[in-house]
């Protein structure tokens, strides 16, 4: 299971506001494939049993491959998160069991927040891609976010207001 303390060092007086994972829809395709890898050997159970030890080894191997693939899908889903704190955004991208990329972006450097919906699946499941661009810190794209507009609002609330700004208005001297 994913634990924040294993990935980032929290700064003094920093607290976690949101921990967002990708929508479960993003796991559907790979889990169907894993289910097929687990189910198919049962359709050939009797011929594999008749083949003796070699057939049973193939049966066990296909089951193990399906279970390992399903476990890999779950681990990568569970550990692929976007963490919003009161000071920064941390994007943890788990692309494999032993491969992880962590990117941080201070809230004060965010220049642009945008949402992109890609196709009918995103429209049906209310998911999308949250894109963040920051001055001097690159960009972050987090795909499969459920209701990305709500996460955008939370980021906007957490962002510090620049000096001389009140409720979104820039104050200028007369």
N, C-alpha and C. Protein backbone atom coordinates (compact mmCIF):
# COMPACT_ATOMS: atom_id res chain seq x y z
N UNK A 1 0.83 -1.19 0.00
CA UNK A 1 0.00 0.00 0.00
C UNK A 1 0.88 1.25 0.00
N UNK A 2 0.35 2.30 -0.60
CA UNK A 2 1.08 3.56 -0.74
C UNK A 2 1.09 4.31 0.59
N UNK A 3 2.28 4.77 0.97
CA UNK A 3 2.43 5.60 2.16
C UNK A 3 3.20 6.85 1.77
N UNK A 4 2.65 8.00 2.13
CA UNK A 4 3.26 9.28 1.75
C UNK A 4 4.67 9.40 2.29
N UNK A 5 4.89 8.97 3.52
CA UNK A 5 6.20 9.16 4.14
C UNK A 5 7.30 8.37 3.43
N UNK A 6 6.93 7.34 2.64
CA UNK A 6 7.93 6.59 1.89
C UNK A 6 8.39 7.35 0.64
N UNK A 7 7.65 8.37 0.24
CA UNK A 7 7.93 9.06 -1.02
C UNK A 7 8.47 10.47 -0.82
N UNK A 8 7.88 11.22 0.10
CA UNK A 8 8.29 12.62 0.29
C UNK A 8 8.56 12.90 1.76
N UNK A 9 9.42 13.87 1.97
CA UNK A 9 9.67 14.39 3.32
C UNK A 9 8.77 15.60 3.50
N UNK A 10 7.90 15.55 4.47
CA UNK A 10 7.03 16.68 4.75
C UNK A 10 7.86 17.77 5.43
N UNK A 11 7.66 19.00 4.99
CA UNK A 11 8.36 20.14 5.57
C UNK A 11 7.66 20.54 6.87
N UNK A 12 8.34 21.33 7.72
CA UNK A 12 7.68 21.79 8.95
C UNK A 12 6.42 22.58 8.61
N UNK A 13 5.37 22.33 9.34
CA UNK A 13 4.07 22.98 9.19
C UNK A 13 3.40 22.69 7.84
N UNK A 14 3.84 21.65 7.15
CA UNK A 14 3.20 21.25 5.90
C UNK A 14 2.21 20.14 6.20
N UNK A 15 1.04 20.22 5.62
CA UNK A 15 0.03 19.18 5.84
C UNK A 15 -0.59 18.77 4.50
N UNK A 16 -1.01 17.53 4.44
CA UNK A 16 -1.62 17.00 3.24
C UNK A 16 -3.07 17.44 3.16
N UNK A 17 -3.45 18.01 2.02
CA UNK A 17 -4.83 18.43 1.80
C UNK A 17 -5.61 17.40 0.99
N UNK A 18 -4.98 16.87 -0.06
CA UNK A 18 -5.65 15.91 -0.95
C UNK A 18 -4.64 14.86 -1.39
N UNK A 19 -5.07 13.60 -1.43
CA UNK A 19 -4.32 12.52 -2.05
C UNK A 19 -5.25 11.94 -3.10
N UNK A 20 -4.93 12.17 -4.36
CA UNK A 20 -5.81 11.79 -5.48
C UNK A 20 -5.18 10.67 -6.28
N UNK A 21 -5.94 9.59 -6.48
CA UNK A 21 -5.52 8.48 -7.34
C UNK A 21 -6.27 8.57 -8.66
N UNK A 22 -5.77 7.82 -9.63
CA UNK A 22 -6.48 7.75 -10.90
C UNK A 22 -7.80 6.99 -10.70
N UNK A 23 -8.75 7.26 -11.57
CA UNK A 23 -10.05 6.60 -11.50
C UNK A 23 -9.87 5.10 -11.71
N UNK A 24 -10.74 4.31 -11.10
CA UNK A 24 -10.66 2.85 -11.25
C UNK A 24 -10.82 2.41 -12.71
N UNK A 25 -11.45 3.24 -13.52
CA UNK A 25 -11.62 2.92 -14.94
C UNK A 25 -10.28 2.68 -15.62
N UNK A 26 -9.24 3.33 -15.15
CA UNK A 26 -7.93 3.18 -15.77
C UNK A 26 -7.36 1.78 -15.60
N UNK A 27 -7.90 1.02 -14.64
CA UNK A 27 -7.44 -0.35 -14.41
C UNK A 27 -8.27 -1.38 -15.17
N UNK A 28 -9.39 -0.99 -15.76
CA UNK A 28 -10.33 -1.95 -16.33
C UNK A 28 -9.70 -2.82 -17.40
N UNK A 29 -9.06 -2.23 -18.39
CA UNK A 29 -8.46 -3.01 -19.48
C UNK A 29 -7.42 -3.99 -18.99
N UNK A 30 -6.42 -3.53 -18.23
CA UNK A 30 -5.42 -4.48 -17.74
C UNK A 30 -5.99 -5.56 -16.81
N UNK A 31 -7.01 -5.22 -16.01
CA UNK A 31 -7.59 -6.25 -15.14
C UNK A 31 -8.40 -7.28 -15.93
N UNK A 32 -9.03 -6.85 -17.02
CA UNK A 32 -9.73 -7.81 -17.88
C UNK A 32 -8.72 -8.78 -18.49
N UNK A 33 -7.59 -8.24 -18.95
CA UNK A 33 -6.54 -9.10 -19.50
C UNK A 33 -6.01 -10.07 -18.44
N UNK A 34 -5.80 -9.58 -17.22
CA UNK A 34 -5.34 -10.46 -16.13
C UNK A 34 -6.38 -11.53 -15.83
N UNK A 35 -7.66 -11.15 -15.84
CA UNK A 35 -8.73 -12.13 -15.62
C UNK A 35 -8.76 -13.20 -16.69
N UNK A 36 -8.53 -12.79 -17.93
CA UNK A 36 -8.47 -13.77 -19.02
C UNK A 36 -7.28 -14.72 -18.85
N UNK A 37 -6.14 -14.17 -18.44
CA UNK A 37 -4.97 -15.02 -18.21
C UNK A 37 -5.23 -16.03 -17.09
N UNK A 38 -6.04 -15.65 -16.13
CA UNK A 38 -6.36 -16.56 -15.04
C UNK A 38 -7.45 -17.55 -15.46
N UNK A 39 -8.44 -17.10 -16.24
CA UNK A 39 -9.58 -17.95 -16.59
C UNK A 39 -9.29 -18.94 -17.72
N UNK A 40 -8.49 -18.54 -18.69
CA UNK A 40 -8.25 -19.40 -19.86
C UNK A 40 -7.71 -20.77 -19.49
N UNK A 41 -6.79 -20.91 -18.56
CA UNK A 41 -6.30 -22.26 -18.24
C UNK A 41 -7.40 -23.21 -17.75
N UNK A 42 -8.45 -22.67 -17.14
CA UNK A 42 -9.53 -23.54 -16.67
C UNK A 42 -10.34 -24.12 -17.83
N UNK A 43 -10.38 -23.42 -18.95
CA UNK A 43 -11.06 -23.96 -20.13
C UNK A 43 -10.31 -25.15 -20.72
N UNK A 44 -9.01 -25.21 -20.47
CA UNK A 44 -8.18 -26.29 -20.98
C UNK A 44 -7.69 -27.20 -19.86
N UNK A 45 -8.41 -27.21 -18.76
CA UNK A 45 -7.98 -27.96 -17.59
C UNK A 45 -7.85 -29.46 -17.88
N UNK A 46 -8.87 -30.07 -18.49
CA UNK A 46 -8.83 -31.52 -18.73
C UNK A 46 -7.73 -31.92 -19.71
N UNK A 47 -7.56 -31.21 -20.83
CA UNK A 47 -6.43 -31.58 -21.70
C UNK A 47 -5.07 -31.37 -21.01
N UNK A 48 -4.97 -30.32 -20.19
CA UNK A 48 -3.70 -30.08 -19.50
C UNK A 48 -3.43 -31.15 -18.44
N UNK A 49 -4.48 -31.63 -17.77
CA UNK A 49 -4.31 -32.69 -16.78
C UNK A 49 -3.89 -33.98 -17.46
N UNK A 50 -4.50 -34.27 -18.64
CA UNK A 50 -4.12 -35.47 -19.39
C UNK A 50 -2.68 -35.43 -19.86
N UNK A 51 -2.14 -34.22 -20.05
CA UNK A 51 -0.75 -34.09 -20.50
C UNK A 51 0.23 -34.40 -19.38
N UNK A 52 -0.27 -34.60 -18.18
CA UNK A 52 0.60 -34.97 -17.07
C UNK A 52 1.26 -33.77 -16.41
N UNK A 53 2.47 -34.00 -15.93
CA UNK A 53 3.20 -32.96 -15.20
C UNK A 53 3.47 -31.73 -16.04
N UNK A 54 3.76 -31.93 -17.34
CA UNK A 54 4.01 -30.80 -18.22
C UNK A 54 2.76 -29.93 -18.36
N UNK A 55 1.60 -30.55 -18.50
CA UNK A 55 0.35 -29.81 -18.61
C UNK A 55 0.02 -29.06 -17.33
N UNK A 56 0.26 -29.68 -16.19
CA UNK A 56 0.01 -29.01 -14.92
C UNK A 56 0.97 -27.84 -14.71
N UNK A 57 2.21 -27.99 -15.20
CA UNK A 57 3.17 -26.89 -15.10
C UNK A 57 2.70 -25.70 -15.94
N UNK A 58 2.18 -25.96 -17.14
CA UNK A 58 1.65 -24.89 -17.99
C UNK A 58 0.44 -24.24 -17.31
N UNK A 59 -0.43 -25.06 -16.74
CA UNK A 59 -1.60 -24.56 -16.02
C UNK A 59 -1.17 -23.62 -14.88
N UNK A 60 -0.24 -24.07 -14.06
CA UNK A 60 0.23 -23.27 -12.92
C UNK A 60 0.94 -22.01 -13.40
N UNK A 61 1.71 -22.13 -14.49
CA UNK A 61 2.43 -20.97 -15.02
C UNK A 61 1.46 -19.89 -15.50
N UNK A 62 0.42 -20.28 -16.23
CA UNK A 62 -0.56 -19.30 -16.71
C UNK A 62 -1.31 -18.64 -15.55
N UNK A 63 -1.65 -19.41 -14.54
CA UNK A 63 -2.29 -18.82 -13.35
C UNK A 63 -1.36 -17.84 -12.65
N UNK A 64 -0.10 -18.21 -12.51
CA UNK A 64 0.87 -17.34 -11.84
C UNK A 64 1.10 -16.06 -12.64
N UNK A 65 1.18 -16.16 -13.95
CA UNK A 65 1.37 -14.97 -14.79
C UNK A 65 0.16 -14.04 -14.66
N UNK A 66 -1.04 -14.59 -14.70
CA UNK A 66 -2.25 -13.78 -14.55
C UNK A 66 -2.31 -13.09 -13.20
N UNK A 67 -2.00 -13.83 -12.14
CA UNK A 67 -2.02 -13.25 -10.79
C UNK A 67 -0.94 -12.18 -10.63
N UNK A 68 0.25 -12.43 -11.16
CA UNK A 68 1.34 -11.45 -11.07
C UNK A 68 0.98 -10.19 -11.85
N UNK A 69 0.37 -10.36 -13.02
CA UNK A 69 -0.03 -9.20 -13.82
C UNK A 69 -1.10 -8.38 -13.09
N UNK A 70 -2.08 -9.06 -12.48
CA UNK A 70 -3.12 -8.37 -11.73
C UNK A 70 -2.51 -7.62 -10.53
N UNK A 71 -1.56 -8.23 -9.86
CA UNK A 71 -0.89 -7.58 -8.73
C UNK A 71 -0.11 -6.35 -9.19
N UNK A 72 0.57 -6.45 -10.33
CA UNK A 72 1.31 -5.32 -10.88
C UNK A 72 0.36 -4.17 -11.22
N UNK A 73 -0.79 -4.47 -11.81
CA UNK A 73 -1.77 -3.44 -12.14
C UNK A 73 -2.24 -2.73 -10.87
N UNK A 74 -2.53 -3.49 -9.83
CA UNK A 74 -2.99 -2.88 -8.59
C UNK A 74 -1.90 -2.03 -7.95
N UNK A 75 -0.66 -2.52 -7.91
CA UNK A 75 0.43 -1.76 -7.29
C UNK A 75 0.67 -0.45 -8.03
N UNK A 76 0.68 -0.49 -9.36
CA UNK A 76 0.91 0.75 -10.11
C UNK A 76 -0.26 1.70 -9.95
N UNK A 77 -1.49 1.20 -9.87
CA UNK A 77 -2.64 2.09 -9.64
C UNK A 77 -2.59 2.71 -8.25
N UNK A 78 -2.30 1.91 -7.25
CA UNK A 78 -2.29 2.38 -5.87
C UNK A 78 -1.19 3.42 -5.62
N UNK A 79 -0.07 3.28 -6.31
CA UNK A 79 1.07 4.17 -6.06
C UNK A 79 1.18 5.33 -7.04
N UNK A 80 0.28 5.43 -8.00
CA UNK A 80 0.29 6.56 -8.95
C UNK A 80 -0.68 7.61 -8.40
N UNK A 81 -0.14 8.62 -7.72
CA UNK A 81 -0.97 9.58 -7.00
C UNK A 81 -0.53 11.02 -7.24
N UNK A 82 -1.44 11.92 -6.95
CA UNK A 82 -1.16 13.35 -6.92
C UNK A 82 -1.45 13.80 -5.49
N UNK A 83 -0.44 14.38 -4.85
CA UNK A 83 -0.57 14.81 -3.46
C UNK A 83 -0.56 16.34 -3.44
N UNK A 84 -1.61 16.91 -2.86
CA UNK A 84 -1.70 18.35 -2.70
C UNK A 84 -1.49 18.67 -1.23
N UNK A 85 -0.47 19.47 -0.95
CA UNK A 85 -0.24 19.93 0.42
C UNK A 85 -0.51 21.43 0.44
N UNK A 86 -0.37 22.03 1.59
CA UNK A 86 -0.58 23.47 1.68
C UNK A 86 0.59 24.25 1.09
N UNK A 87 1.66 23.58 0.64
CA UNK A 87 2.82 24.26 0.06
C UNK A 87 3.18 23.81 -1.34
N UNK A 88 2.84 22.59 -1.73
CA UNK A 88 3.30 22.07 -3.01
C UNK A 88 2.38 20.97 -3.53
N UNK A 89 2.64 20.62 -4.77
CA UNK A 89 1.97 19.48 -5.39
C UNK A 89 3.06 18.46 -5.70
N UNK A 90 2.81 17.21 -5.34
CA UNK A 90 3.76 16.14 -5.60
C UNK A 90 3.05 15.11 -6.48
N UNK A 91 3.66 14.82 -7.63
CA UNK A 91 3.11 13.82 -8.56
C UNK A 91 4.00 12.59 -8.49
N UNK A 92 3.42 11.48 -8.05
CA UNK A 92 4.14 10.22 -7.95
C UNK A 92 3.62 9.34 -9.07
N UNK A 93 4.51 9.02 -10.00
CA UNK A 93 4.11 8.20 -11.15
C UNK A 93 4.80 6.85 -11.04
N UNK A 94 4.01 5.84 -10.75
CA UNK A 94 4.51 4.48 -10.61
C UNK A 94 4.26 3.78 -11.94
N UNK A 95 5.34 3.50 -12.69
CA UNK A 95 5.18 2.89 -14.01
C UNK A 95 5.47 1.39 -13.99
N UNK A 96 5.98 0.90 -12.91
CA UNK A 96 6.26 -0.51 -12.77
C UNK A 96 6.39 -0.82 -11.29
N UNK A 97 6.63 -2.07 -10.97
CA UNK A 97 6.73 -2.45 -9.57
C UNK A 97 7.93 -1.77 -8.91
N UNK A 98 9.05 -1.65 -9.64
CA UNK A 98 10.25 -1.05 -9.07
C UNK A 98 10.64 0.27 -9.73
N UNK A 99 9.74 0.87 -10.47
CA UNK A 99 10.07 2.13 -11.16
C UNK A 99 9.08 3.21 -10.75
N UNK A 100 9.62 4.27 -10.16
CA UNK A 100 8.79 5.36 -9.67
C UNK A 100 9.47 6.69 -10.00
N UNK A 101 8.66 7.65 -10.44
CA UNK A 101 9.16 8.99 -10.71
C UNK A 101 8.36 9.96 -9.85
N UNK A 102 9.06 10.84 -9.12
CA UNK A 102 8.42 11.79 -8.24
C UNK A 102 8.79 13.20 -8.70
N UNK A 103 7.75 14.02 -8.95
CA UNK A 103 7.96 15.41 -9.34
C UNK A 103 7.24 16.32 -8.37
N UNK A 104 7.91 17.40 -7.98
CA UNK A 104 7.32 18.36 -7.06
C UNK A 104 7.17 19.70 -7.74
N UNK A 105 6.15 20.44 -7.32
CA UNK A 105 5.89 21.77 -7.86
C UNK A 105 5.35 22.65 -6.74
N UNK A 106 6.10 23.69 -6.34
CA UNK A 106 5.57 24.60 -5.32
C UNK A 106 4.30 25.29 -5.82
N UNK A 107 3.33 25.44 -4.94
CA UNK A 107 2.06 26.07 -5.33
C UNK A 107 2.25 27.50 -5.82
N UNK A 108 3.23 28.19 -5.26
CA UNK A 108 3.44 29.59 -5.62
C UNK A 108 3.96 29.77 -7.05
N UNK A 109 4.48 28.70 -7.68
CA UNK A 109 5.04 28.83 -9.02
C UNK A 109 4.07 28.42 -10.12
N UNK A 110 2.89 27.95 -9.78
CA UNK A 110 1.93 27.48 -10.79
C UNK A 110 1.44 28.65 -11.63
N UNK A 111 1.61 28.53 -12.94
CA UNK A 111 1.16 29.56 -13.87
C UNK A 111 -0.17 29.22 -14.51
N UNK A 112 -0.35 27.95 -14.83
CA UNK A 112 -1.54 27.55 -15.59
C UNK A 112 -2.04 26.19 -15.12
N UNK A 113 -3.36 26.09 -14.99
CA UNK A 113 -4.03 24.83 -14.69
C UNK A 113 -5.05 24.60 -15.79
N UNK A 114 -4.99 23.45 -16.43
CA UNK A 114 -5.96 23.16 -17.48
C UNK A 114 -6.45 21.73 -17.36
N UNK A 115 -7.62 21.49 -17.94
CA UNK A 115 -8.26 20.18 -17.93
C UNK A 115 -8.49 19.76 -19.37
N UNK A 116 -8.20 18.51 -19.66
CA UNK A 116 -8.44 17.97 -20.99
C UNK A 116 -9.24 16.68 -20.86
N UNK A 117 -10.29 16.58 -21.65
CA UNK A 117 -11.07 15.34 -21.70
C UNK A 117 -10.80 14.67 -23.03
N UNK A 118 -10.50 13.39 -22.98
CA UNK A 118 -10.12 12.64 -24.18
C UNK A 118 -11.15 11.57 -24.48
N UNK A 119 -12.10 11.86 -25.30
CA UNK A 119 -13.02 10.86 -25.81
C UNK A 119 -14.23 10.58 -24.95
N UNK A 120 -14.98 9.57 -25.41
CA UNK A 120 -16.26 9.22 -24.79
C UNK A 120 -16.09 8.62 -23.40
N UNK A 121 -15.01 7.86 -23.18
CA UNK A 121 -14.82 7.25 -21.86
C UNK A 121 -14.66 8.31 -20.79
N UNK A 122 -13.89 9.35 -21.09
CA UNK A 122 -13.72 10.44 -20.12
C UNK A 122 -15.04 11.14 -19.86
N UNK A 123 -15.85 11.32 -20.90
CA UNK A 123 -17.15 11.98 -20.72
C UNK A 123 -18.09 11.10 -19.88
N UNK A 124 -18.10 9.80 -20.14
CA UNK A 124 -19.00 8.90 -19.41
C UNK A 124 -18.62 8.74 -17.93
N UNK A 125 -17.33 8.70 -17.66
CA UNK A 125 -16.88 8.46 -16.29
C UNK A 125 -16.48 9.74 -15.56
N UNK A 126 -16.68 10.90 -16.19
CA UNK A 126 -16.34 12.20 -15.59
C UNK A 126 -14.87 12.28 -15.20
N UNK A 127 -14.02 11.78 -16.07
CA UNK A 127 -12.58 11.81 -15.81
C UNK A 127 -11.91 12.73 -16.82
N UNK A 128 -10.65 13.02 -16.59
CA UNK A 128 -9.90 13.85 -17.51
C UNK A 128 -8.44 13.91 -17.12
N UNK A 129 -7.71 14.75 -17.85
CA UNK A 129 -6.30 14.96 -17.60
C UNK A 129 -6.14 16.33 -16.97
N UNK A 130 -5.52 16.38 -15.81
CA UNK A 130 -5.22 17.64 -15.15
C UNK A 130 -3.80 18.02 -15.52
N UNK A 131 -3.66 19.20 -16.13
CA UNK A 131 -2.34 19.67 -16.57
C UNK A 131 -1.95 20.91 -15.77
N UNK A 132 -0.76 20.86 -15.19
CA UNK A 132 -0.24 21.98 -14.41
C UNK A 132 1.07 22.43 -15.04
N UNK A 133 1.23 23.73 -15.19
CA UNK A 133 2.48 24.28 -15.71
C UNK A 133 2.97 25.31 -14.71
N UNK A 134 4.26 25.23 -14.40
CA UNK A 134 4.82 26.13 -13.40
C UNK A 134 6.05 26.84 -13.94
N UNK A 135 6.28 28.01 -13.43
CA UNK A 135 7.43 28.80 -13.80
C UNK A 135 8.70 28.18 -13.22
N UNK A 136 9.57 27.66 -14.07
CA UNK A 136 10.83 27.09 -13.62
C UNK A 136 10.76 25.69 -13.06
N UNK A 137 9.58 25.07 -13.04
CA UNK A 137 9.44 23.72 -12.48
C UNK A 137 8.81 22.75 -13.46
N UNK A 138 8.75 23.11 -14.74
CA UNK A 138 8.22 22.21 -15.75
C UNK A 138 6.72 22.08 -15.68
N UNK A 139 6.24 20.90 -16.03
CA UNK A 139 4.80 20.67 -16.05
C UNK A 139 4.49 19.28 -15.52
N UNK A 140 3.24 19.11 -15.12
CA UNK A 140 2.73 17.83 -14.64
C UNK A 140 1.43 17.55 -15.38
N UNK A 141 1.28 16.33 -15.87
CA UNK A 141 0.03 15.88 -16.47
C UNK A 141 -0.41 14.64 -15.72
N UNK A 142 -1.57 14.70 -15.10
CA UNK A 142 -2.09 13.58 -14.30
C UNK A 142 -3.37 13.09 -14.97
N UNK A 143 -3.29 11.96 -15.65
CA UNK A 143 -4.42 11.42 -16.41
C UNK A 143 -5.31 10.54 -15.55
N UNK A 144 -6.58 10.46 -15.93
CA UNK A 144 -7.51 9.58 -15.23
C UNK A 144 -8.06 10.15 -13.94
N UNK A 145 -8.03 11.47 -13.79
CA UNK A 145 -8.53 12.11 -12.57
C UNK A 145 -10.06 12.14 -12.60
N UNK A 146 -10.69 11.71 -11.52
CA UNK A 146 -12.14 11.79 -11.41
C UNK A 146 -12.52 13.21 -11.05
N UNK A 147 -13.40 13.80 -11.83
CA UNK A 147 -13.86 15.18 -11.66
C UNK A 147 -12.69 16.15 -11.47
N UNK A 148 -11.90 16.34 -12.52
CA UNK A 148 -10.71 17.19 -12.40
C UNK A 148 -11.02 18.64 -12.05
N UNK A 149 -12.24 19.09 -12.35
CA UNK A 149 -12.59 20.48 -12.01
C UNK A 149 -12.64 20.68 -10.50
N UNK A 150 -13.03 19.65 -9.74
CA UNK A 150 -13.04 19.75 -8.28
C UNK A 150 -11.61 19.83 -7.73
N UNK A 151 -10.72 19.06 -8.32
CA UNK A 151 -9.32 19.10 -7.89
C UNK A 151 -8.70 20.45 -8.25
N UNK A 152 -9.09 21.01 -9.39
CA UNK A 152 -8.62 22.34 -9.78
C UNK A 152 -9.04 23.39 -8.76
N UNK A 153 -10.29 23.30 -8.28
CA UNK A 153 -10.77 24.24 -7.26
C UNK A 153 -9.96 24.10 -5.96
N UNK A 154 -9.65 22.88 -5.57
CA UNK A 154 -8.87 22.67 -4.36
C UNK A 154 -7.46 23.24 -4.49
N UNK A 155 -6.88 23.10 -5.68
CA UNK A 155 -5.54 23.66 -5.91
C UNK A 155 -5.60 25.18 -5.86
N UNK A 156 -6.63 25.75 -6.48
CA UNK A 156 -6.77 27.21 -6.47
C UNK A 156 -6.95 27.75 -5.04
N UNK A 157 -7.69 27.03 -4.22
CA UNK A 157 -7.88 27.46 -2.83
C UNK A 157 -6.59 27.36 -2.03
N UNK A 158 -5.77 26.37 -2.34
CA UNK A 158 -4.53 26.15 -1.59
C UNK A 158 -3.42 27.09 -2.02
N UNK A 159 -3.50 27.63 -3.24
CA UNK A 159 -2.45 28.52 -3.74
C UNK A 159 -2.39 29.80 -2.92
N UNK A 160 -1.18 30.24 -2.60
CA UNK A 160 -1.07 31.50 -1.86
C UNK A 160 -1.41 32.68 -2.78
N UNK A 161 -2.10 33.66 -2.23
CA UNK A 161 -2.43 34.87 -2.98
C UNK A 161 -1.19 35.75 -3.06
N UNK A 162 -0.86 36.26 -4.26
CA UNK A 162 0.27 37.17 -4.37
C UNK A 162 0.00 38.44 -3.54
N UNK A 163 1.06 39.09 -3.08
CA UNK A 163 0.88 40.30 -2.29
C UNK A 163 0.17 41.36 -3.12
N UNK A 164 -0.74 42.07 -2.50
CA UNK A 164 -1.50 43.09 -3.20
C UNK A 164 -2.73 42.53 -3.91
N UNK A 165 -3.05 41.26 -3.69
CA UNK A 165 -4.20 40.64 -4.33
C UNK A 165 -5.24 40.33 -3.27
N UNK A 166 -6.48 40.66 -3.56
CA UNK A 166 -7.57 40.38 -2.65
C UNK A 166 -8.69 39.71 -3.44
N UNK A 167 -9.04 38.49 -3.07
CA UNK A 167 -10.12 37.74 -3.69
C UNK A 167 -10.03 37.74 -5.21
N UNK A 168 -8.84 37.55 -5.75
CA UNK A 168 -8.67 37.45 -7.18
C UNK A 168 -8.48 38.77 -7.90
N UNK A 169 -8.54 39.91 -7.17
CA UNK A 169 -8.36 41.21 -7.79
C UNK A 169 -7.00 41.76 -7.43
N UNK A 170 -6.34 42.36 -8.40
CA UNK A 170 -5.03 42.99 -8.18
C UNK A 170 -5.25 44.42 -7.72
N UNK A 171 -4.69 44.79 -6.59
CA UNK A 171 -4.81 46.15 -6.08
C UNK A 171 -3.67 47.00 -6.64
N UNK A 172 -4.02 48.14 -7.21
CA UNK A 172 -3.02 49.04 -7.76
C UNK A 172 -3.13 50.37 -7.05
N UNK A 173 -1.97 50.98 -6.79
CA UNK A 173 -2.02 52.30 -6.14
C UNK A 173 -2.59 53.34 -7.10
N UNK A 174 -3.29 54.35 -6.53
CA UNK A 174 -3.89 55.42 -7.35
C UNK A 174 -2.87 56.42 -7.78
